């Protein structure tokens, strides 16, 4: 059987892919309002720098990104902790 850290490494990679997929799905619809100053539509990453208007990212998109980011962060922390415990124990 594989080591637990190897399984969590795969889970962490899957979470990273999932997080990136959520970003790709949200980004085209997140910046559908033109900037008030220049009239251009900015990408979601720059939306908060351009304006404080809430129409750049909806509340549901914020919750979805937060959940995906927390899941990814949890997977990374769990993977690192399990790998550290396995290394400390001398392997499984």
PDB file of N, CA and C in Angstrom:
ATOM      1  N   UNK A   1       0.833  -1.186   0.000  1.00  0.00           N
ATOM      2  CA  UNK A   1       0.000   0.000   0.000  1.00  0.00           C
ATOM      3  C   UNK A   1       0.882   1.256   0.000  1.00  0.00           C
ATOM      4  N   UNK A   2       0.400   2.273  -0.673  1.00  0.00           N
ATOM      5  CA  UNK A   2       1.163   3.512  -0.756  1.00  0.00           C
ATOM      6  C   UNK A   2       1.198   4.226   0.588  1.00  0.00           C
ATOM      7  N   UNK A   3       2.225   5.064   0.730  1.00  0.00           N
ATOM      8  CA  UNK A   3       2.297   5.861   1.939  1.00  0.00           C
ATOM      9  C   UNK A   3       1.167   6.887   1.932  1.00  0.00           C
ATOM     10  N   UNK A   4       0.727   7.240   3.118  1.00  0.00           N
ATOM     11  CA  UNK A   4      -0.366   8.190   3.257  1.00  0.00           C
ATOM     12  C   UNK A   4       0.014   9.557   2.687  1.00  0.00           C
ATOM     13  N   UNK A   5       1.270   9.942   2.833  1.00  0.00           N
ATOM     14  CA  UNK A   5       1.700  11.239   2.290  1.00  0.00           C
ATOM     15  C   UNK A   5       1.617  11.249   0.767  1.00  0.00           C
ATOM     16  N   UNK A   6       1.856  10.122   0.132  1.00  0.00           N
ATOM     17  CA  UNK A   6       1.746  10.045  -1.326  1.00  0.00           C
ATOM     18  C   UNK A   6       0.294  10.227  -1.763  1.00  0.00           C
ATOM     19  N   UNK A   7      -0.630   9.635  -1.016  1.00  0.00           N
ATOM     20  CA  UNK A   7      -2.043   9.809  -1.331  1.00  0.00           C
ATOM     21  C   UNK A   7      -2.475  11.264  -1.133  1.00  0.00           C
ATOM     22  N   UNK A   8      -1.995  11.893  -0.070  1.00  0.00           N
ATOM     23  CA  UNK A   8      -2.345  13.285   0.168  1.00  0.00           C
ATOM     24  C   UNK A   8      -1.677  14.219  -0.838  1.00  0.00           C
ATOM     25  N   UNK A   9      -0.518  13.838  -1.355  1.00  0.00           N
ATOM     26  CA  UNK A   9       0.111  14.622  -2.409  1.00  0.00           C
ATOM     27  C   UNK A   9      -0.785  14.631  -3.647  1.00  0.00           C
ATOM     28  N   UNK A  10      -1.321  13.471  -3.991  1.00  0.00           N
ATOM     29  CA  UNK A  10      -2.249  13.389  -5.123  1.00  0.00           C
ATOM     30  C   UNK A  10      -3.523  14.181  -4.867  1.00  0.00           C
ATOM     31  N   UNK A  11      -4.027  14.124  -3.641  1.00  0.00           N
ATOM     32  CA  UNK A  11      -5.220  14.888  -3.279  1.00  0.00           C
ATOM     33  C   UNK A  11      -4.946  16.387  -3.358  1.00  0.00           C
ATOM     34  N   UNK A  12      -3.753  16.791  -2.947  1.00  0.00           N
ATOM     35  CA  UNK A  12      -3.379  18.201  -3.024  1.00  0.00           C
ATOM     36  C   UNK A  12      -3.292  18.656  -4.474  1.00  0.00           C
ATOM     37  N   UNK A  13      -2.733  17.841  -5.336  1.00  0.00           N
ATOM     38  CA  UNK A  13      -2.683  18.190  -6.760  1.00  0.00           C
ATOM     39  C   UNK A  13      -4.091  18.285  -7.351  1.00  0.00           C
ATOM     40  N   UNK A  14      -4.970  17.370  -6.951  1.00  0.00           N
ATOM     41  CA  UNK A  14      -6.355  17.424  -7.425  1.00  0.00           C
ATOM     42  C   UNK A  14      -7.044  18.694  -6.932  1.00  0.00           C
ATOM     43  N   UNK A  15      -6.783  19.094  -5.698  1.00  0.00           N
ATOM     44  CA  UNK A  15      -7.359  20.336  -5.165  1.00  0.00           C
ATOM     45  C   UNK A  15      -6.818  21.549  -5.912  1.00  0.00           C
ATOM     46  N   UNK A  16      -5.545  21.527  -6.277  1.00  0.00           N
ATOM     47  CA  UNK A  16      -4.956  22.629  -7.033  1.00  0.00           C
ATOM     48  C   UNK A  16      -5.599  22.737  -8.419  1.00  0.00           C
ATOM     49  N   UNK A  17      -5.811  21.600  -9.052  1.00  0.00           N
ATOM     50  CA  UNK A  17      -6.471  21.596 -10.357  1.00  0.00           C
ATOM     51  C   UNK A  17      -7.911  22.086 -10.214  1.00  0.00           C
ATOM     52  N   UNK A  18      -8.597  21.638  -9.154  1.00  0.00           N
ATOM     53  CA  UNK A  18      -9.964  22.094  -8.907  1.00  0.00           C
ATOM     54  C   UNK A  18     -10.043  23.589  -8.667  1.00  0.00           C
ATOM     55  N   UNK A  19      -9.098  24.115  -7.891  1.00  0.00           N
ATOM     56  CA  UNK A  19      -9.063  25.544  -7.621  1.00  0.00           C
ATOM     57  C   UNK A  19      -8.840  26.333  -8.901  1.00  0.00           C
ATOM     58  N   UNK A  20      -7.925  25.857  -9.736  1.00  0.00           N
ATOM     59  CA  UNK A  20      -7.664  26.530 -11.012  1.00  0.00           C
ATOM     60  C   UNK A  20      -8.881  26.456 -11.929  1.00  0.00           C
ATOM     61  N   UNK A  21      -9.583  25.337 -11.909  1.00  0.00           N
ATOM     62  CA  UNK A  21     -10.784  25.191 -12.720  1.00  0.00           C
ATOM     63  C   UNK A  21     -11.864  26.167 -12.272  1.00  0.00           C
ATOM     64  N   UNK A  22     -12.022  26.327 -10.959  1.00  0.00           N
ATOM     65  CA  UNK A  22     -12.993  27.287 -10.443  1.00  0.00           C
ATOM     66  C   UNK A  22     -12.620  28.700 -10.886  1.00  0.00           C
ATOM     67  N   UNK A  23     -11.342  29.039 -10.849  1.00  0.00           N
ATOM     68  CA  UNK A  23     -10.906  30.353 -11.309  1.00  0.00           C
ATOM     69  C   UNK A  23     -11.224  30.559 -12.780  1.00  0.00           C
ATOM     70  N   UNK A  24     -10.951  29.556 -13.592  1.00  0.00           N
ATOM     71  CA  UNK A  24     -11.193  29.661 -15.031  1.00  0.00           C
ATOM     72  C   UNK A  24     -12.684  29.794 -15.321  1.00  0.00           C
ATOM     73  N   UNK A  25     -13.520  29.117 -14.546  1.00  0.00           N
ATOM     74  CA  UNK A  25     -14.961  29.196 -14.767  1.00  0.00           C
ATOM     75  C   UNK A  25     -15.541  30.525 -14.295  1.00  0.00           C
ATOM     76  N   UNK A  26     -14.979  31.093 -13.239  1.00  0.00           N
ATOM     77  CA  UNK A  26     -15.511  32.339 -12.684  1.00  0.00           C
ATOM     78  C   UNK A  26     -14.997  33.561 -13.431  1.00  0.00           C
ATOM     79  N   UNK A  27     -13.773  33.552 -13.860  1.00  0.00           N
ATOM     80  CA  UNK A  27     -13.142  34.756 -14.394  1.00  0.00           C
ATOM     81  C   UNK A  27     -13.871  35.387 -15.585  1.00  0.00           C
ATOM     82  N   UNK A  28     -14.348  34.635 -16.572  1.00  0.00           N
ATOM     83  CA  UNK A  28     -15.020  35.303 -17.695  1.00  0.00           C
ATOM     84  C   UNK A  28     -16.279  36.069 -17.298  1.00  0.00           C
ATOM     85  N   UNK A  29     -17.007  35.573 -16.303  1.00  0.00           N
ATOM     86  CA  UNK A  29     -18.244  36.256 -15.920  1.00  0.00           C
ATOM     87  C   UNK A  29     -18.047  37.233 -14.773  1.00  0.00           C
ATOM     88  N   UNK A  30     -16.865  37.260 -14.180  1.00  0.00           N
ATOM     89  CA  UNK A  30     -16.658  38.092 -12.999  1.00  0.00           C
ATOM     90  C   UNK A  30     -16.456  39.556 -13.348  1.00  0.00           C
ATOM     91  N   UNK A  31     -15.953  39.849 -14.501  1.00  0.00           N
ATOM     92  CA  UNK A  31     -15.648  41.232 -14.857  1.00  0.00           C
ATOM     93  C   UNK A  31     -16.521  41.693 -16.013  1.00  0.00           C
ATOM     94  N   UNK A  32     -17.821  41.535 -15.876  1.00  0.00           N
ATOM     95  CA  UNK A  32     -18.701  41.887 -16.983  1.00  0.00           C
ATOM     96  C   UNK A  32     -19.146  43.346 -16.944  1.00  0.00           C
ATOM     97  N   UNK A  33     -18.712  44.112 -15.937  1.00  0.00           N
ATOM     98  CA  UNK A  33     -19.079  45.522 -15.853  1.00  0.00           C
ATOM     99  C   UNK A  33     -17.875  46.379 -16.257  1.00  0.00           C
ATOM    100  N   UNK A  34     -18.076  47.347 -17.129  1.00  0.00           N
ATOM    101  CA  UNK A  34     -16.956  48.191 -17.523  1.00  0.00           C
ATOM    102  C   UNK A  34     -16.496  49.091 -16.370  1.00  0.00           C
ATOM    103  N   UNK A  35     -15.254  49.421 -16.392  1.00  0.00           N
ATOM    104  CA  UNK A  35     -14.665  50.315 -15.408  1.00  0.00           C
ATOM    105  C   UNK A  35     -15.246  51.717 -15.602  1.00  0.00           C
ATOM    106  N   UNK A  36     -15.611  52.360 -14.505  1.00  0.00           N
ATOM    107  CA  UNK A  36     -16.201  53.686 -14.598  1.00  0.00           C
ATOM    108  C   UNK A  36     -15.230  54.734 -15.094  1.00  0.00           C
ATOM    109  N   UNK A  37     -13.960  54.591 -14.785  1.00  0.00           N
ATOM    110  CA  UNK A  37     -12.981  55.605 -15.165  1.00  0.00           C
ATOM    111  C   UNK A  37     -12.564  55.483 -16.628  1.00  0.00           C
ATOM    112  N   UNK A  38     -12.254  54.281 -17.060  1.00  0.00           N
ATOM    113  CA  UNK A  38     -11.737  54.116 -18.415  1.00  0.00           C
ATOM    114  C   UNK A  38     -12.710  53.499 -19.392  1.00  0.00           C
ATOM    115  N   UNK A  39     -13.786  52.880 -18.893  1.00  0.00           N
ATOM    116  CA  UNK A  39     -14.761  52.254 -19.764  1.00  0.00           C
ATOM    117  C   UNK A  39     -14.385  50.870 -20.228  1.00  0.00           C
ATOM    118  N   UNK A  40     -13.223  50.353 -19.763  1.00  0.00           N
ATOM    119  CA  UNK A  40     -12.800  49.012 -20.169  1.00  0.00           C
ATOM    120  C   UNK A  40     -13.280  47.990 -19.153  1.00  0.00           C
ATOM    121  N   UNK A  41     -13.387  46.762 -19.608  1.00  0.00           N
ATOM    122  CA  UNK A  41     -13.700  45.656 -18.710  1.00  0.00           C
ATOM    123  C   UNK A  41     -12.396  45.017 -18.288  1.00  0.00           C
ATOM    124  N   UNK A  42     -12.120  45.005 -17.006  1.00  0.00           N
ATOM    125  CA  UNK A  42     -10.862  44.477 -16.487  1.00  0.00           C
ATOM    126  C   UNK A  42     -11.044  43.031 -16.038  1.00  0.00           C
ATOM    127  N   UNK A  43      -9.951  42.317 -15.992  1.00  0.00           N
ATOM    128  CA  UNK A  43      -9.983  40.940 -15.488  1.00  0.00           C
ATOM    129  C   UNK A  43     -10.271  40.945 -13.996  1.00  0.00           C
ATOM    130  N   UNK A  44     -10.749  39.808 -13.485  1.00  0.00           N
ATOM    131  CA  UNK A  44     -11.143  39.726 -12.084  1.00  0.00           C
ATOM    132  C   UNK A  44      -9.982  40.032 -11.143  1.00  0.00           C
ATOM    133  N   UNK A  45      -8.775  39.728 -11.568  1.00  0.00           N
ATOM    134  CA  UNK A  45      -7.637  39.958 -10.687  1.00  0.00           C
ATOM    135  C   UNK A  45      -7.401  41.445 -10.459  1.00  0.00           C
ATOM    136  N   UNK A  46      -7.746  42.258 -11.437  1.00  0.00           N
ATOM    137  CA  UNK A  46      -7.527  43.689 -11.310  1.00  0.00           C
ATOM    138  C   UNK A  46      -8.793  44.436 -10.933  1.00  0.00           C
ATOM    139  N   UNK A  47      -9.904  43.734 -10.827  1.00  0.00           N
ATOM    140  CA  UNK A  47     -11.191  44.380 -10.574  1.00  0.00           C
ATOM    141  C   UNK A  47     -11.215  45.195  -9.304  1.00  0.00           C
ATOM    142  N   UNK A  48     -10.652  44.708  -8.230  1.00  0.00           N
ATOM    143  CA  UNK A  48     -10.679  45.425  -6.968  1.00  0.00           C
ATOM    144  C   UNK A  48      -9.735  46.627  -6.979  1.00  0.00           C
ATOM    145  N   UNK A  49      -8.716  46.613  -7.837  1.00  0.00           N
ATOM    146  CA  UNK A  49      -7.829  47.758  -7.934  1.00  0.00           C
ATOM    147  C   UNK A  49      -8.476  48.889  -8.721  1.00  0.00           C
ATOM    148  N   UNK A  50      -9.348  48.538  -9.655  1.00  0.00           N
ATOM    149  CA  UNK A  50      -9.962  49.529 -10.516  1.00  0.00           C
ATOM    150  C   UNK A  50     -11.097  50.246  -9.793  1.00  0.00           C
ATOM    151  N   UNK A  51     -11.911  49.496  -9.037  1.00  0.00           N
ATOM    152  CA  UNK A  51     -13.088  50.082  -8.425  1.00  0.00           C
ATOM    153  C   UNK A  51     -13.480  49.272  -7.197  1.00  0.00           C
ATOM    154  N   UNK A  52     -14.191  49.900  -6.311  1.00  0.00           N
ATOM    155  CA  UNK A  52     -14.743  49.196  -5.148  1.00  0.00           C
ATOM    156  C   UNK A  52     -16.165  48.724  -5.398  1.00  0.00           C
ATOM    157  N   UNK A  53     -16.638  48.855  -6.616  1.00  0.00           N
ATOM    158  CA  UNK A  53     -17.998  48.449  -6.954  1.00  0.00           C
ATOM    159  C   UNK A  53     -18.139  46.940  -6.808  1.00  0.00           C
ATOM    160  N   UNK A  54     -19.228  46.489  -6.206  1.00  0.00           N
ATOM    161  CA  UNK A  54     -19.396  45.056  -5.947  1.00  0.00           C
ATOM    162  C   UNK A  54     -19.768  44.237  -7.174  1.00  0.00           C
ATOM    163  N   UNK A  55     -20.031  44.851  -8.323  1.00  0.00           N
ATOM    164  CA  UNK A  55     -20.485  44.074  -9.474  1.00  0.00           C
ATOM    165  C   UNK A  55     -19.369  43.295 -10.157  1.00  0.00           C
ATOM    166  N   UNK A  56     -18.111  43.511  -9.750  1.00  0.00           N
ATOM    167  CA  UNK A  56     -17.019  42.782 -10.387  1.00  0.00           C
ATOM    168  C   UNK A  56     -17.064  41.298 -10.058  1.00  0.00           C
ATOM    169  N   UNK A  57     -17.331  40.957  -8.808  1.00  0.00           N
ATOM    170  CA  UNK A  57     -17.404  39.567  -8.378  1.00  0.00           C
ATOM    171  C   UNK A  57     -18.654  39.420  -7.521  1.00  0.00           C
ATOM    172  N   UNK A  58     -19.488  38.434  -7.847  1.00  0.00           N
ATOM    173  CA  UNK A  58     -20.719  38.238  -7.073  1.00  0.00           C
ATOM    174  C   UNK A  58     -20.411  37.539  -5.753  1.00  0.00           C
ATOM    175  N   UNK A  59     -21.363  37.602  -4.854  1.00  0.00           N
ATOM    176  CA  UNK A  59     -21.188  36.970  -3.538  1.00  0.00           C
ATOM    177  C   UNK A  59     -21.012  35.451  -3.674  1.00  0.00           C
ATOM    178  N   UNK A  60     -21.744  34.828  -4.581  1.00  0.00           N
ATOM    179  CA  UNK A  60     -21.612  33.385  -4.786  1.00  0.00           C
ATOM    180  C   UNK A  60     -20.225  33.033  -5.306  1.00  0.00           C
ATOM    181  N   UNK A  61     -19.685  33.852  -6.179  1.00  0.00           N
ATOM    182  CA  UNK A  61     -18.345  33.601  -6.698  1.00  0.00           C
ATOM    183  C   UNK A  61     -17.297  33.754  -5.602  1.00  0.00           C
ATOM    184  N   UNK A  62     -17.501  34.707  -4.723  1.00  0.00           N
ATOM    185  CA  UNK A  62     -16.578  34.889  -3.606  1.00  0.00           C
ATOM    186  C   UNK A  62     -16.610  33.668  -2.689  1.00  0.00           C
ATOM    187  N   UNK A  63     -17.807  33.185  -2.378  1.00  0.00           N
ATOM    188  CA  UNK A  63     -17.924  31.994  -1.518  1.00  0.00           C
ATOM    189  C   UNK A  63     -17.317  30.766  -2.196  1.00  0.00           C
ATOM    190  N   UNK A  64     -17.536  30.618  -3.489  1.00  0.00           N
ATOM    191  CA  UNK A  64     -16.981  29.469  -4.211  1.00  0.00           C
ATOM    192  C   UNK A  64     -15.457  29.510  -4.222  1.00  0.00           C
ATOM    193  N   UNK A  65     -14.886  30.682  -4.494  1.00  0.00           N
ATOM    194  CA  UNK A  65     -13.429  30.816  -4.477  1.00  0.00           C
ATOM    195  C   UNK A  65     -12.863  30.612  -3.076  1.00  0.00           C
ATOM    196  N   UNK A  66     -13.579  31.110  -2.068  1.00  0.00           N
ATOM    197  CA  UNK A  66     -13.128  30.929  -0.685  1.00  0.00           C
ATOM    198  C   UNK A  66     -13.129  29.458  -0.295  1.00  0.00           C
ATOM    199  N   UNK A  67     -14.194  28.756  -0.646  1.00  0.00           N
ATOM    200  CA  UNK A  67     -14.280  27.327  -0.322  1.00  0.00           C
ATOM    201  C   UNK A  67     -13.192  26.532  -1.047  1.00  0.00           C
ATOM    202  N   UNK A  68     -12.988  26.831  -2.323  1.00  0.00           N
ATOM    203  CA  UNK A  68     -11.953  26.121  -3.079  1.00  0.00           C
ATOM    204  C   UNK A  68     -10.562  26.441  -2.533  1.00  0.00           C
ATOM    205  N   UNK A  69     -10.331  27.688  -2.177  1.00  0.00           N
ATOM    206  CA  UNK A  69      -9.034  28.073  -1.612  1.00  0.00           C
ATOM    207  C   UNK A  69      -8.778  27.438  -0.257  1.00  0.00           C
ATOM    208  N   UNK A  70      -9.804  27.391   0.592  1.00  0.00           N
ATOM    209  CA  UNK A  70      -9.645  26.745   1.897  1.00  0.00           C
ATOM    210  C   UNK A  70      -9.422  25.247   1.759  1.00  0.00           C
ATOM    211  N   UNK A  71     -10.107  24.621   0.809  1.00  0.00           N
ATOM    212  CA  UNK A  71      -9.893  23.189   0.573  1.00  0.00           C
ATOM    213  C   UNK A  71      -8.461  22.931   0.111  1.00  0.00           C
ATOM    214  N   UNK A  72      -7.980  23.765  -0.785  1.00  0.00           N
ATOM    215  CA  UNK A  72      -6.602  23.625  -1.251  1.00  0.00           C
ATOM    216  C   UNK A  72      -5.619  23.845  -0.106  1.00  0.00           C
ATOM    217  N   UNK A  73      -5.827  24.883   0.690  1.00  0.00           N
ATOM    218  CA  UNK A  73      -4.955  25.166   1.829  1.00  0.00           C
ATOM    219  C   UNK A  73      -4.966  24.008   2.827  1.00  0.00           C
ATOM    220  N   UNK A  74      -6.148  23.457   3.100  1.00  0.00           N
ATOM    221  CA  UNK A  74      -6.250  22.322   4.015  1.00  0.00           C
ATOM    222  C   UNK A  74      -5.515  21.096   3.506  1.00  0.00           C
ATOM    223  N   UNK A  75      -5.610  20.842   2.200  1.00  0.00           N
ATOM    224  CA  UNK A  75      -4.897  19.709   1.611  1.00  0.00           C
ATOM    225  C   UNK A  75      -3.387  19.891   1.705  1.00  0.00           C
ATOM    226  N   UNK A  76      -2.913  21.090   1.457  1.00  0.00           N
ATOM    227  CA  UNK A  76      -1.472  21.342   1.533  1.00  0.00           C
ATOM    228  C   UNK A  76      -0.980  21.161   2.962  1.00  0.00           C
ATOM    229  N   UNK A  77      -1.694  21.715   3.927  1.00  0.00           N
ATOM    230  CA  UNK A  77      -1.290  21.592   5.331  1.00  0.00           C
ATOM    231  C   UNK A  77      -1.320  20.133   5.773  1.00  0.00           C
ATOM    232  N   UNK A  78      -2.385  19.405   5.412  1.00  0.00           N
ATOM    233  CA  UNK A  78      -2.475  17.989   5.788  1.00  0.00           C
ATOM    234  C   UNK A  78      -1.355  17.180   5.148  1.00  0.00           C
ATOM    235  N   UNK A  79      -1.074  17.444   3.885  1.00  0.00           N
ATOM    236  CA  UNK A  79      -0.004  16.723   3.191  1.00  0.00           C
ATOM    237  C   UNK A  79       1.343  16.982   3.862  1.00  0.00           C
ATOM    238  N   UNK A  80       1.634  18.255   4.164  1.00  0.00           N
ATOM    239  CA  UNK A  80       2.906  18.573   4.813  1.00  0.00           C
ATOM    240  C   UNK A  80       3.011  17.951   6.203  1.00  0.00           C
ATOM    241  N   UNK A  81       1.920  17.994   6.958  1.00  0.00           N
ATOM    242  CA  UNK A  81       1.941  17.410   8.306  1.00  0.00           C
ATOM    243  C   UNK A  81       2.134  15.893   8.255  1.00  0.00           C
ATOM    244  N   UNK A  82       1.430  15.223   7.376  1.00  0.00           N
ATOM    245  CA  UNK A  82       1.551  13.767   7.268  1.00  0.00           C
ATOM    246  C   UNK A  82       2.942  13.379   6.784  1.00  0.00           C
ATOM    247  N   UNK A  83       3.472  14.118   5.810  1.00  0.00           N
ATOM    248  CA  UNK A  83       4.825  13.824   5.323  1.00  0.00           C
ATOM    249  C   UNK A  83       5.854  14.026   6.437  1.00  0.00           C
ATOM    250  N   UNK A  84       5.663  15.065   7.242  1.00  0.00           N
ATOM    251  CA  UNK A  84       6.587  15.322   8.346  1.00  0.00           C
ATOM    252  C   UNK A  84       6.513  14.202   9.388  1.00  0.00           C
ATOM    253  N   UNK A  85       5.298  13.761   9.726  1.00  0.00           N
ATOM    254  CA  UNK A  85       5.146  12.679  10.697  1.00  0.00           C
ATOM    255  C   UNK A  85       5.735  11.372  10.169  1.00  0.00           C
ATOM    256  N   UNK A  86       5.531  11.099   8.879  1.00  0.00           N
ATOM    257  CA  UNK A  86       6.106   9.880   8.302  1.00  0.00           C
ATOM    258  C   UNK A  86       7.627   9.929   8.299  1.00  0.00           C
ATOM    259  N   UNK A  87       8.183  11.078   7.964  1.00  0.00           N
ATOM    260  CA  UNK A  87       9.629  11.209   7.948  1.00  0.00           C
ATOM    261  C   UNK A  87      10.187  11.089   9.371  1.00  0.00           C
ATOM    262  N   UNK A  88       9.495  11.658  10.316  1.00  0.00           N
ATOM    263  CA  UNK A  88       9.922  11.601  11.718  1.00  0.00           C
ATOM    264  C   UNK A  88       9.881  10.173  12.261  1.00  0.00           C
ATOM    265  N   UNK A  89       8.877   9.434  11.799  1.00  0.00           N
ATOM    266  CA  UNK A  89       8.688   8.046  12.202  1.00  0.00           C
ATOM    267  C   UNK A  89       9.647   7.108  11.506  1.00  0.00           C
ATOM    268  N   UNK A  90      10.229   7.554  10.412  1.00  0.00           N
ATOM    269  CA  UNK A  90      11.152   6.712   9.670  1.00  0.00           C
ATOM    270  C   UNK A  90      10.515   6.017   8.492  1.00  0.00           C
ATOM    271  N   UNK A  91       9.392   6.536   8.021  1.00  0.00           N
ATOM    272  CA  UNK A  91       8.716   5.944   6.858  1.00  0.00           C
ATOM    273  C   UNK A  91       7.638   4.979   7.282  1.00  0.00           C
ATOM    274  N   UNK A  92       6.761   4.673   6.326  1.00  0.00           N
ATOM    275  CA  UNK A  92       5.656   3.771   6.632  1.00  0.00           C
ATOM    276  C   UNK A  92       5.838   2.453   5.914  1.00  0.00           C
TER     277      UNK A  92
END
